[in-house]
Amino acid sequence: MGNTEKKRPKKHRRRRMQRHKRSVLAVSAVVLLLFAVVTANSISLRAKEKEYLGQEQDLEQQIKEEKARAEEIDELREYVGTDQYVEDVARDKLGLVHENEIILKEK
């Protein structure tokens, strides 16, 4: 009987060690899986960040162009209200001239 009592604890130890190894392997596998998922998400987020930075630069360029265009429109609006604009339109589109102007034509 003495021999069986000594063997029994060894079996229990062996089983406990096997269970312990399995649980350590399971936890390690979960940790590795989480690490892989986090790494993959990190890579995709960096790619999106680069894409968004490119879009941001494009939009900033468009904003600059639109501000310049708005400035041109404001200048044109001021010019349209002047007498010079009226004279230019009358000369170009209607062919009108001042009374004291001499018109030269090519032969």
PDB file of N, CA and C in Angstrom:
ATOM      1  N   MET A   1       0.785  -1.191   0.000  1.00  0.00           N
ATOM      2  CA  MET A   1       0.000   0.000   0.000  1.00  0.00           C
ATOM      3  C   MET A   1       0.828   1.256   0.000  1.00  0.00           C
ATOM      4  N   GLY A   2       1.939   1.170   0.590  1.00  0.00           N
ATOM      5  CA  GLY A   2       2.807   2.330   0.642  1.00  0.00           C
ATOM      6  C   GLY A   2       3.235   2.785  -0.732  1.00  0.00           C
ATOM      7  N   ASN A   3       3.446   1.850  -1.638  1.00  0.00           N
ATOM      8  CA  ASN A   3       3.866   2.188  -2.994  1.00  0.00           C
ATOM      9  C   ASN A   3       2.764   2.906  -3.775  1.00  0.00           C
ATOM     10  N   THR A   4       1.538   2.495  -3.588  1.00  0.00           N
ATOM     11  CA  THR A   4       0.438   3.123  -4.334  1.00  0.00           C
ATOM     12  C   THR A   4       0.200   4.548  -3.865  1.00  0.00           C
ATOM     13  N   GLU A   5       0.409   4.812  -2.609  1.00  0.00           N
ATOM     14  CA  GLU A   5       0.221   6.168  -2.105  1.00  0.00           C
ATOM     15  C   GLU A   5       1.281   7.109  -2.672  1.00  0.00           C
ATOM     16  N   LYS A   6       2.486   6.606  -2.850  1.00  0.00           N
ATOM     17  CA  LYS A   6       3.545   7.443  -3.412  1.00  0.00           C
ATOM     18  C   LYS A   6       3.306   7.701  -4.898  1.00  0.00           C
ATOM     19  N   LYS A   7       2.781   6.719  -5.602  1.00  0.00           N
ATOM     20  CA  LYS A   7       2.538   6.881  -7.031  1.00  0.00           C
ATOM     21  C   LYS A   7       1.376   7.832  -7.295  1.00  0.00           C
ATOM     22  N   ARG A   8       0.402   7.790  -6.463  1.00  0.00           N
ATOM     23  CA  ARG A   8      -0.772   8.619  -6.666  1.00  0.00           C
ATOM     24  C   ARG A   8      -0.437  10.115  -6.700  1.00  0.00           C
ATOM     25  N   PRO A   9       0.297  10.616  -5.759  1.00  0.00           N
ATOM     26  CA  PRO A   9       0.631  12.044  -5.830  1.00  0.00           C
ATOM     27  C   PRO A   9       1.434  12.398  -7.077  1.00  0.00           C
ATOM     28  N   LYS A  10       2.267  11.487  -7.559  1.00  0.00           N
ATOM     29  CA  LYS A  10       3.018  11.778  -8.780  1.00  0.00           C
ATOM     30  C   LYS A  10       2.068  11.909  -9.958  1.00  0.00           C
ATOM     31  N   LYS A  11       1.050  11.062 -10.009  1.00  0.00           N
ATOM     32  CA  LYS A  11       0.068  11.152 -11.082  1.00  0.00           C
ATOM     33  C   LYS A  11      -0.675  12.484 -11.012  1.00  0.00           C
ATOM     34  N   HIS A  12      -1.044  12.831  -9.795  1.00  0.00           N
ATOM     35  CA  HIS A  12      -1.753  14.100  -9.623  1.00  0.00           C
ATOM     36  C   HIS A  12      -0.873  15.280 -10.021  1.00  0.00           C
ATOM     37  N   ARG A  13       0.386  15.194  -9.631  1.00  0.00           N
ATOM     38  CA  ARG A  13       1.312  16.263 -10.016  1.00  0.00           C
ATOM     39  C   ARG A  13       1.452  16.331 -11.527  1.00  0.00           C
ATOM     40  N   ARG A  14       1.595  15.184 -12.120  1.00  0.00           N
ATOM     41  CA  ARG A  14       1.757  15.122 -13.568  1.00  0.00           C
ATOM     42  C   ARG A  14       0.507  15.696 -14.260  1.00  0.00           C
ATOM     43  N   ARG A  15      -0.664  15.307 -13.775  1.00  0.00           N
ATOM     44  CA  ARG A  15      -1.908  15.826 -14.357  1.00  0.00           C
ATOM     45  C   ARG A  15      -2.018  17.335 -14.156  1.00  0.00           C
ATOM     46  N   ARG A  16      -1.676  17.770 -12.946  1.00  0.00           N
ATOM     47  CA  ARG A  16      -1.720  19.206 -12.677  1.00  0.00           C
ATOM     48  C   ARG A  16      -0.745  19.958 -13.569  1.00  0.00           C
ATOM     49  N   MET A  17       0.420  19.402 -13.756  1.00  0.00           N
ATOM     50  CA  MET A  17       1.417  20.046 -14.617  1.00  0.00           C
ATOM     51  C   MET A  17       0.924  20.092 -16.061  1.00  0.00           C
ATOM     52  N   GLN A  18       0.294  19.017 -16.512  1.00  0.00           N
ATOM     53  CA  GLN A  18      -0.235  19.002 -17.872  1.00  0.00           C
ATOM     54  C   GLN A  18      -1.348  20.040 -18.019  1.00  0.00           C
ATOM     55  N   ARG A  19      -2.243  20.112 -17.038  1.00  0.00           N
ATOM     56  CA  ARG A  19      -3.307  21.121 -17.065  1.00  0.00           C
ATOM     57  C   ARG A  19      -2.707  22.524 -17.033  1.00  0.00           C
ATOM     58  N   HIS A  20      -1.710  22.675 -16.190  1.00  0.00           N
ATOM     59  CA  HIS A  20      -1.049  23.977 -16.079  1.00  0.00           C
ATOM     60  C   HIS A  20      -0.405  24.364 -17.416  1.00  0.00           C
ATOM     61  N   LYS A  21       0.270  23.416 -18.047  1.00  0.00           N
ATOM     62  CA  LYS A  21       0.893  23.685 -19.349  1.00  0.00           C
ATOM     63  C   LYS A  21      -0.156  24.042 -20.391  1.00  0.00           C
ATOM     64  N   ARG A  22      -1.272  23.314 -20.367  1.00  0.00           N
ATOM     65  CA  ARG A  22      -2.345  23.612 -21.318  1.00  0.00           C
ATOM     66  C   ARG A  22      -2.905  25.009 -21.107  1.00  0.00           C
ATOM     67  N   SER A  23      -3.130  25.350 -19.850  1.00  0.00           N
ATOM     68  CA  SER A  23      -3.681  26.684 -19.582  1.00  0.00           C
ATOM     69  C   SER A  23      -2.678  27.774 -19.954  1.00  0.00           C
ATOM     70  N   VAL A  24      -1.403  27.543 -19.702  1.00  0.00           N
ATOM     71  CA  VAL A  24      -0.371  28.505 -20.099  1.00  0.00           C
ATOM     72  C   VAL A  24      -0.341  28.636 -21.618  1.00  0.00           C
ATOM     73  N   LEU A  25      -0.438  27.511 -22.322  1.00  0.00           N
ATOM     74  CA  LEU A  25      -0.473  27.553 -23.784  1.00  0.00           C
ATOM     75  C   LEU A  25      -1.713  28.283 -24.286  1.00  0.00           C
ATOM     76  N   ALA A  26      -2.845  28.036 -23.658  1.00  0.00           N
ATOM     77  CA  ALA A  26      -4.083  28.704 -24.073  1.00  0.00           C
ATOM     78  C   ALA A  26      -3.983  30.210 -23.856  1.00  0.00           C
ATOM     79  N   VAL A  27      -3.492  30.610 -22.702  1.00  0.00           N
ATOM     80  CA  VAL A  27      -3.336  32.041 -22.417  1.00  0.00           C
ATOM     81  C   VAL A  27      -2.332  32.660 -23.383  1.00  0.00           C
ATOM     82  N   SER A  28      -1.249  31.969 -23.645  1.00  0.00           N
ATOM     83  CA  SER A  28      -0.245  32.475 -24.590  1.00  0.00           C
ATOM     84  C   SER A  28      -0.838  32.621 -25.986  1.00  0.00           C
ATOM     85  N   ALA A  29      -1.642  31.651 -26.396  1.00  0.00           N
ATOM     86  CA  ALA A  29      -2.271  31.727 -27.716  1.00  0.00           C
ATOM     87  C   ALA A  29      -3.209  32.922 -27.799  1.00  0.00           C
ATOM     88  N   VAL A  30      -3.980  33.159 -26.747  1.00  0.00           N
ATOM     89  CA  VAL A  30      -4.896  34.307 -26.726  1.00  0.00           C
ATOM     90  C   VAL A  30      -4.108  35.610 -26.786  1.00  0.00           C
ATOM     91  N   VAL A  31      -3.035  35.692 -26.024  1.00  0.00           N
ATOM     92  CA  VAL A  31      -2.206  36.903 -26.029  1.00  0.00           C
ATOM     93  C   VAL A  31      -1.605  37.131 -27.414  1.00  0.00           C
ATOM     94  N   LEU A  32      -1.105  36.087 -28.046  1.00  0.00           N
ATOM     95  CA  LEU A  32      -0.541  36.218 -29.393  1.00  0.00           C
ATOM     96  C   LEU A  32      -1.608  36.628 -30.402  1.00  0.00           C
ATOM     97  N   LEU A  33      -2.792  36.061 -30.261  1.00  0.00           N
ATOM     98  CA  LEU A  33      -3.891  36.425 -31.152  1.00  0.00           C
ATOM     99  C   LEU A  33      -4.255  37.899 -30.987  1.00  0.00           C
ATOM    100  N   LEU A  34      -4.352  38.347 -29.752  1.00  0.00           N
ATOM    101  CA  LEU A  34      -4.640  39.763 -29.497  1.00  0.00           C
ATOM    102  C   LEU A  34      -3.541  40.658 -30.062  1.00  0.00           C
ATOM    103  N   PHE A  35      -2.308  40.247 -29.889  1.00  0.00           N
ATOM    104  CA  PHE A  35      -1.185  41.021 -30.431  1.00  0.00           C
ATOM    105  C   PHE A  35      -1.281  41.122 -31.949  1.00  0.00           C
ATOM    106  N   ALA A  36      -1.623  40.013 -32.597  1.00  0.00           N
ATOM    107  CA  ALA A  36      -1.753  40.016 -34.059  1.00  0.00           C
ATOM    108  C   ALA A  36      -2.886  40.934 -34.504  1.00  0.00           C
ATOM    109  N   VAL A  37      -4.006  40.895 -33.807  1.00  0.00           N
ATOM    110  CA  VAL A  37      -5.150  41.749 -34.158  1.00  0.00           C
ATOM    111  C   VAL A  37      -4.794  43.215 -33.970  1.00  0.00           C
ATOM    112  N   VAL A  38      -4.159  43.538 -32.863  1.00  0.00           N
ATOM    113  CA  VAL A  38      -3.772  44.931 -32.600  1.00  0.00           C
ATOM    114  C   VAL A  38      -2.768  45.412 -33.644  1.00  0.00           C
ATOM    115  N   THR A  39      -1.830  44.574 -34.009  1.00  0.00           N
ATOM    116  CA  THR A  39      -0.841  44.944 -35.027  1.00  0.00           C
ATOM    117  C   THR A  39      -1.508  45.180 -36.373  1.00  0.00           C
ATOM    118  N   ALA A  40      -2.420  44.303 -36.752  1.00  0.00           N
ATOM    119  CA  ALA A  40      -3.124  44.465 -38.031  1.00  0.00           C
ATOM    120  C   ALA A  40      -3.944  45.749 -38.034  1.00  0.00           C
ATOM    121  N   ASN A  41      -4.639  46.024 -36.947  1.00  0.00           N
ATOM    122  CA  ASN A  41      -5.423  47.262 -36.862  1.00  0.00           C
ATOM    123  C   ASN A  41      -4.523  48.485 -36.889  1.00  0.00           C
ATOM    124  N   SER A  42      -3.381  48.389 -36.262  1.00  0.00           N
ATOM    125  CA  SER A  42      -2.434  49.506 -36.257  1.00  0.00           C
ATOM    126  C   SER A  42      -1.958  49.814 -37.670  1.00  0.00           C
ATOM    127  N   ILE A  43      -1.663  48.776 -38.423  1.00  0.00           N
ATOM    128  CA  ILE A  43      -1.203  48.969 -39.803  1.00  0.00           C
ATOM    129  C   ILE A  43      -2.295  49.609 -40.648  1.00  0.00           C
ATOM    130  N   SER A  44      -3.525  49.127 -40.502  1.00  0.00           N
ATOM    131  CA  SER A  44      -4.612  49.701 -41.305  1.00  0.00           C
ATOM    132  C   SER A  44      -4.893  51.137 -40.887  1.00  0.00           C
ATOM    133  N   LEU A  45      -4.772  51.444 -39.612  1.00  0.00           N
ATOM    134  CA  LEU A  45      -4.988  52.819 -39.157  1.00  0.00           C
ATOM    135  C   LEU A  45      -3.903  53.757 -39.684  1.00  0.00           C
ATOM    136  N   ARG A  46      -2.687  53.291 -39.761  1.00  0.00           N
ATOM    137  CA  ARG A  46      -1.615  54.120 -40.319  1.00  0.00           C
ATOM    138  C   ARG A  46      -1.857  54.398 -41.794  1.00  0.00           C
ATOM    139  N   ALA A  47      -2.339  53.399 -42.512  1.00  0.00           N
ATOM    140  CA  ALA A  47      -2.647  53.597 -43.934  1.00  0.00           C
ATOM    141  C   ALA A  47      -3.773  54.613 -44.092  1.00  0.00           C
ATOM    142  N   LYS A  48      -4.789  54.512 -43.252  1.00  0.00           N
ATOM    143  CA  LYS A  48      -5.891  55.483 -43.309  1.00  0.00           C
ATOM    144  C   LYS A  48      -5.389  56.879 -42.961  1.00  0.00           C
ATOM    145  N   GLU A  49      -4.483  56.958 -41.991  1.00  0.00           N
ATOM    146  CA  GLU A  49      -3.942  58.259 -41.597  1.00  0.00           C
ATOM    147  C   GLU A  49      -3.227  58.918 -42.775  1.00  0.00           C
ATOM    148  N   LYS A  50      -2.423  58.144 -43.506  1.00  0.00           N
ATOM    149  CA  LYS A  50      -1.726  58.687 -44.673  1.00  0.00           C
ATOM    150  C   LYS A  50      -2.724  59.160 -45.720  1.00  0.00           C
ATOM    151  N   GLU A  51      -3.768  58.376 -45.924  1.00  0.00           N
ATOM    152  CA  GLU A  51      -4.791  58.742 -46.904  1.00  0.00           C
ATOM    153  C   GLU A  51      -5.486  60.038 -46.486  1.00  0.00           C
ATOM    154  N   TYR A  52      -5.826  60.144 -45.215  1.00  0.00           N
ATOM    155  CA  TYR A  52      -6.506  61.343 -44.728  1.00  0.00           C
ATOM    156  C   TYR A  52      -5.594  62.566 -44.773  1.00  0.00           C
ATOM    157  N   LEU A  53      -4.304  62.381 -44.532  1.00  0.00           N
ATOM    158  CA  LEU A  53      -3.375  63.506 -44.638  1.00  0.00           C
ATOM    159  C   LEU A  53      -3.305  64.014 -46.076  1.00  0.00           C
ATOM    160  N   GLY A  54      -3.306  63.086 -47.027  1.00  0.00           N
ATOM    161  CA  GLY A  54      -3.325  63.482 -48.437  1.00  0.00           C
ATOM    162  C   GLY A  54      -4.594  64.234 -48.782  1.00  0.00           C
ATOM    163  N   GLN A  55      -5.730  63.756 -48.284  1.00  0.00           N
ATOM    164  CA  GLN A  55      -6.996  64.445 -48.527  1.00  0.00           C
ATOM    165  C   GLN A  55      -6.985  65.828 -47.889  1.00  0.00           C
ATOM    166  N   GLU A  56      -6.421  65.921 -46.702  1.00  0.00           N
ATOM    167  CA  GLU A  56      -6.358  67.203 -46.008  1.00  0.00           C
ATOM    168  C   GLU A  56      -5.542  68.214 -46.815  1.00  0.00           C
ATOM    169  N   GLN A  57      -4.417  67.778 -47.359  1.00  0.00           N
ATOM    170  CA  GLN A  57      -3.591  68.678 -48.164  1.00  0.00           C
ATOM    171  C   GLN A  57      -4.329  69.112 -49.423  1.00  0.00           C
ATOM    172  N   ASP A  58      -5.039  68.181 -50.060  1.00  0.00           N
ATOM    173  CA  ASP A  58      -5.819  68.527 -51.250  1.00  0.00           C
ATOM    174  C   ASP A  58      -6.896  69.552 -50.914  1.00  0.00           C
ATOM    175  N   LEU A  59      -7.569  69.349 -49.796  1.00  0.00           N
ATOM    176  CA  LEU A  59      -8.629  70.277 -49.399  1.00  0.00           C
ATOM    177  C   LEU A  59      -8.066  71.652 -49.047  1.00  0.00           C
ATOM    178  N   GLU A  60      -6.901  71.678 -48.410  1.00  0.00           N
ATOM    179  CA  GLU A  60      -6.276  72.967 -48.097  1.00  0.00           C
ATOM    180  C   GLU A  60      -5.916  73.712 -49.378  1.00  0.00           C
ATOM    181  N   GLN A  61      -5.437  72.989 -50.386  1.00  0.00           N
ATOM    182  CA  GLN A  61      -5.122  73.599 -51.676  1.00  0.00           C
ATOM    183  C   GLN A  61      -6.391  74.141 -52.325  1.00  0.00           C
ATOM    184  N   GLN A  62      -7.468  73.387 -52.252  1.00  0.00           N
ATOM    185  CA  GLN A  62      -8.737  73.840 -52.816  1.00  0.00           C
ATOM    186  C   GLN A  62      -9.241  75.086 -52.100  1.00  0.00           C
ATOM    187  N   ILE A  63      -9.047  75.136 -50.786  1.00  0.00           N
ATOM    188  CA  ILE A  63      -9.463  76.314 -50.020  1.00  0.00           C
ATOM    189  C   ILE A  63      -8.690  77.537 -50.488  1.00  0.00           C
ATOM    190  N   LYS A  64      -7.381  77.391 -50.687  1.00  0.00           N
ATOM    191  CA  LYS A  64      -6.571  78.515 -51.171  1.00  0.00           C
ATOM    192  C   LYS A  64      -7.055  78.985 -52.536  1.00  0.00           C
ATOM    193  N   GLU A  65      -7.330  78.023 -53.429  1.00  0.00           N
ATOM    194  CA  GLU A  65      -7.796  78.377 -54.770  1.00  0.00           C
ATOM    195  C   GLU A  65      -9.146  79.084 -54.712  1.00  0.00           C
ATOM    196  N   GLU A  66     -10.038  78.612 -53.860  1.00  0.00           N
ATOM    197  CA  GLU A  66     -11.362  79.228 -53.752  1.00  0.00           C
ATOM    198  C   GLU A  66     -11.276  80.623 -53.136  1.00  0.00           C
ATOM    199  N   LYS A  67     -10.353  80.823 -52.199  1.00  0.00           N
ATOM    200  CA  LYS A  67     -10.174  82.161 -51.633  1.00  0.00           C
ATOM    201  C   LYS A  67      -9.668  83.127 -52.700  1.00  0.00           C
ATOM    202  N   ALA A  68      -8.724  82.664 -53.525  1.00  0.00           N
ATOM    203  CA  ALA A  68      -8.218  83.507 -54.611  1.00  0.00           C
ATOM    204  C   ALA A  68      -9.335  83.808 -55.601  1.00  0.00           C
ATOM    205  N   ARG A  69     -10.154  82.816 -55.902  1.00  0.00           N
ATOM    206  CA  ARG A  69     -11.275  83.010 -56.828  1.00  0.00           C
ATOM    207  C   ARG A  69     -12.284  83.998 -56.246  1.00  0.00           C
ATOM    208  N   ALA A  70     -12.567  83.899 -54.958  1.00  0.00           N
ATOM    209  CA  ALA A  70     -13.497  84.827 -54.310  1.00  0.00           C
ATOM    210  C   ALA A  70     -12.952  86.250 -54.362  1.00  0.00           C
ATOM    211  N   GLU A  71     -11.639  86.371 -54.208  1.00  0.00           N
ATOM    212  CA  GLU A  71     -11.005  87.691 -54.292  1.00  0.00           C
ATOM    213  C   GLU A  71     -11.157  88.277 -55.696  1.00  0.00           C
ATOM    214  N   GLU A  72     -10.955  87.435 -56.718  1.00  0.00           N
ATOM    215  CA  GLU A  72     -11.129  87.891 -58.099  1.00  0.00           C
ATOM    216  C   GLU A  72     -12.570  88.321 -58.352  1.00  0.00           C
ATOM    217  N   ILE A  73     -13.509  87.573 -57.806  1.00  0.00           N
ATOM    218  CA  ILE A  73     -14.925  87.915 -57.986  1.00  0.00           C
ATOM    219  C   ILE A  73     -15.234  89.248 -57.323  1.00  0.00           C
ATOM    220  N   ASP A  74     -14.694  89.481 -56.139  1.00  0.00           N
ATOM    221  CA  ASP A  74     -14.909  90.766 -55.464  1.00  0.00           C
ATOM    222  C   ASP A  74     -14.334  91.918 -56.280  1.00  0.00           C
ATOM    223  N   GLU A  75     -13.127  91.707 -56.835  1.00  0.00           N
ATOM    224  CA  GLU A  75     -12.520  92.750 -57.666  1.00  0.00           C
ATOM    225  C   GLU A  75     -13.357  93.002 -58.915  1.00  0.00           C
ATOM    226  N   LEU A  76     -13.864  91.942 -59.523  1.00  0.00           N
ATOM    227  CA  LEU A  76     -14.704  92.088 -60.711  1.00  0.00           C
ATOM    228  C   LEU A  76     -16.002  92.802 -60.362  1.00  0.00           C
ATOM    229  N   ARG A  77     -16.567  92.485 -59.213  1.00  0.00           N
ATOM    230  CA  ARG A  77     -17.799  93.148 -58.774  1.00  0.00           C
ATOM    231  C   ARG A  77     -17.571  94.656 -58.636  1.00  0.00           C
ATOM    232  N   GLU A  78     -16.432  95.038 -58.072  1.00  0.00           N
ATOM    233  CA  GLU A  78     -16.111  96.461 -57.943  1.00  0.00           C
ATOM    234  C   GLU A  78     -15.914  97.095 -59.320  1.00  0.00           C
ATOM    235  N   TYR A  79     -15.254  96.387 -60.222  1.00  0.00           N
ATOM    236  CA  TYR A  79     -14.984  96.904 -61.565  1.00  0.00           C
ATOM    237  C   TYR A  79     -16.275  97.075 -62.359  1.00  0.00           C
ATOM    238  N   VAL A  80     -17.213  96.152 -62.194  1.00  0.00           N
ATOM    239  CA  VAL A  80     -18.476  96.223 -62.936  1.00  0.00           C
ATOM    240  C   VAL A  80     -19.248  97.487 -62.564  1.00  0.00           C
ATOM    241  N   GLY A  81     -19.107  97.969 -61.372  1.00  0.00           N
ATOM    242  CA  GLY A  81     -19.824  99.168 -60.943  1.00  0.00           C
ATOM    243  C   GLY A  81     -19.181 100.471 -61.398  1.00  0.00           C
ATOM    244  N   THR A  82     -18.066 100.430 -62.099  1.00  0.00           N
ATOM    245  CA  THR A  82     -17.374 101.664 -62.491  1.00  0.00           C
ATOM    246  C   THR A  82     -17.791 102.113 -63.885  1.00  0.00           C
ATOM    247  N   ASP A  83     -17.528 103.395 -64.177  1.00  0.00           N
ATOM    248  CA  ASP A  83     -17.799 103.946 -65.509  1.00  0.00           C
ATOM    249  C   ASP A  83     -16.864 103.327 -66.544  1.00  0.00           C
ATOM    250  N   GLN A  84     -15.668 102.984 -66.148  1.00  0.00           N
ATOM    251  CA  GLN A  84     -14.705 102.378 -67.069  1.00  0.00           C
ATOM    252  C   GLN A  84     -15.258 101.072 -67.635  1.00  0.00           C
ATOM    253  N   TYR A  85     -15.916 100.292 -66.812  1.00  0.00           N
ATOM    254  CA  TYR A  85     -16.505  99.030 -67.278  1.00  0.00           C
ATOM    255  C   TYR A  85     -17.590  99.307 -68.312  1.00  0.00           C
ATOM    256  N   VAL A  86     -18.436 100.284 -68.037  1.00  0.00           N
ATOM    257  CA  VAL A  86     -19.513 100.626 -68.977  1.00  0.00           C
ATOM    258  C   VAL A  86     -18.916 101.044 -70.314  1.00  0.00           C
ATOM    259  N   GLU A  87     -17.881 101.852 -70.291  1.00  0.00           N
ATOM    260  CA  GLU A  87     -17.232 102.288 -71.533  1.00  0.00           C
ATOM    261  C   GLU A  87     -16.616 101.098 -72.274  1.00  0.00           C
ATOM    262  N   ASP A  88     -15.944 100.218 -71.538  1.00  0.00           N
ATOM    263  CA  ASP A  88     -15.312  99.057 -72.171  1.00  0.00           C
ATOM    264  C   ASP A  88     -16.349  98.151 -72.835  1.00  0.00           C
ATOM    265  N   VAL A  89     -17.466  97.925 -72.181  1.00  0.00           N
ATOM    266  CA  VAL A  89     -18.511  97.075 -72.756  1.00  0.00           C
ATOM    267  C   VAL A  89     -19.111  97.747 -73.979  1.00  0.00           C
ATOM    268  N   ALA A  90     -19.366  99.056 -73.895  1.00  0.00           N
ATOM    269  CA  ALA A  90     -19.942  99.781 -75.032  1.00  0.00           C
ATOM    270  C   ALA A  90     -18.986  99.749 -76.224  1.00  0.00           C
ATOM    271  N   ARG A  91     -17.715  99.859 -75.984  1.00  0.00           N
ATOM    272  CA  ARG A  91     -16.723  99.859 -77.055  1.00  0.00           C
ATOM    273  C   ARG A  91     -16.589  98.454 -77.667  1.00  0.00           C
ATOM    274  N   ASP A  92     -16.453  97.432 -76.829  1.00  0.00           N
ATOM    275  CA  ASP A  92     -16.198  96.076 -77.321  1.00  0.00           C
ATOM    276  C   ASP A  92     -17.435  95.417 -77.922  1.00  0.00           C
ATOM    277  N   LYS A  93     -18.529  95.471 -77.244  1.00  0.00           N
ATOM    278  CA  LYS A  93     -19.701  94.716 -77.683  1.00  0.00           C
ATOM    279  C   LYS A  93     -20.620  95.513 -78.600  1.00  0.00           C
ATOM    280  N   LEU A  94     -20.717  96.796 -78.362  1.00  0.00           N
ATOM    281  CA  LEU A  94     -21.642  97.605 -79.165  1.00  0.00           C
ATOM    282  C   LEU A  94     -20.939  98.412 -80.253  1.00  0.00           C
ATOM    283  N   GLY A  95     -19.631  98.507 -80.181  1.00  0.00           N
ATOM    284  CA  GLY A  95     -18.876  99.250 -81.195  1.00  0.00           C
ATOM    285  C   GLY A  95     -19.011 100.760 -81.065  1.00  0.00           C
ATOM    286  N   LEU A  96     -19.412 101.245 -79.924  1.00  0.00           N
ATOM    287  CA  LEU A  96     -19.579 102.684 -79.708  1.00  0.00           C
ATOM    288  C   LEU A  96     -18.230 103.335 -79.413  1.00  0.00           C
ATOM    289  N   VAL A  97     -18.133 104.631 -79.772  1.00  0.00           N
ATOM    290  CA  VAL A  97     -16.914 105.403 -79.516  1.00  0.00           C
ATOM    291  C   VAL A  97     -17.306 106.769 -78.992  1.00  0.00           C
ATOM    292  N   HIS A  98     -16.345 107.474 -78.420  1.00  0.00           N
ATOM    293  CA  HIS A  98     -16.586 108.852 -77.978  1.00  0.00           C
ATOM    294  C   HIS A  98     -16.691 109.757 -79.201  1.00  0.00           C
ATOM    295  N   GLU A  99     -17.304 110.910 -78.998  1.00  0.00           N
ATOM    296  CA  GLU A  99     -17.510 111.842 -80.112  1.00  0.00           C
ATOM    297  C   GLU A  99     -16.191 112.328 -80.705  1.00  0.00           C
ATOM    298  N   ASN A 100     -15.207 112.559 -79.880  1.00  0.00           N
ATOM    299  CA  ASN A 100     -13.957 113.143 -80.362  1.00  0.00           C
ATOM    300  C   ASN A 100     -12.907 112.095 -80.742  1.00  0.00           C
ATOM    301  N   GLU A 101     -13.248 110.819 -80.807  1.00  0.00           N
ATOM    302  CA  GLU A 101     -12.296 109.774 -81.162  1.00  0.00           C
ATOM    303  C   GLU A 101     -12.236 109.590 -82.672  1.00  0.00           C
ATOM    304  N   ILE A 102     -11.037 109.285 -83.141  1.00  0.00           N
ATOM    305  CA  ILE A 102     -10.833 109.010 -84.563  1.00  0.00           C
ATOM    306  C   ILE A 102     -10.638 107.502 -84.708  1.00  0.00           C
ATOM    307  N   ILE A 103     -11.370 106.899 -85.600  1.00  0.00           N
ATOM    308  CA  ILE A 103     -11.298 105.458 -85.802  1.00  0.00           C
ATOM    309  C   ILE A 103     -10.415 105.182 -87.001  1.00  0.00           C
ATOM    310  N   LEU A 104      -9.411 104.332 -86.813  1.00  0.00           N
ATOM    311  CA  LEU A 104      -8.526 103.942 -87.899  1.00  0.00           C
ATOM    312  C   LEU A 104      -8.823 102.501 -88.260  1.00  0.00           C
ATOM    313  N   LYS A 105      -8.958 102.233 -89.532  1.00  0.00           N
ATOM    314  CA  LYS A 105      -9.233 100.879 -89.989  1.00  0.00           C
ATOM    315  C   LYS A 105      -8.060 100.396 -90.819  1.00  0.00           C
ATOM    316  N   GLU A 106      -7.800  99.110 -90.760  1.00  0.00           N
ATOM    317  CA  GLU A 106      -6.736  98.525 -91.561  1.00  0.00           C
ATOM    318  C   GLU A 106      -7.221  98.333 -92.980  1.00  0.00           C
ATOM    319  N   LYS A 107      -6.281  98.438 -93.930  1.00  0.00           N
ATOM    320  CA  LYS A 107      -6.646  98.255 -95.337  1.00  0.00           C
ATOM    321  C   LYS A 107      -6.470  96.852 -95.763  1.00  0.00           C
TER     322      LYS A 107
END
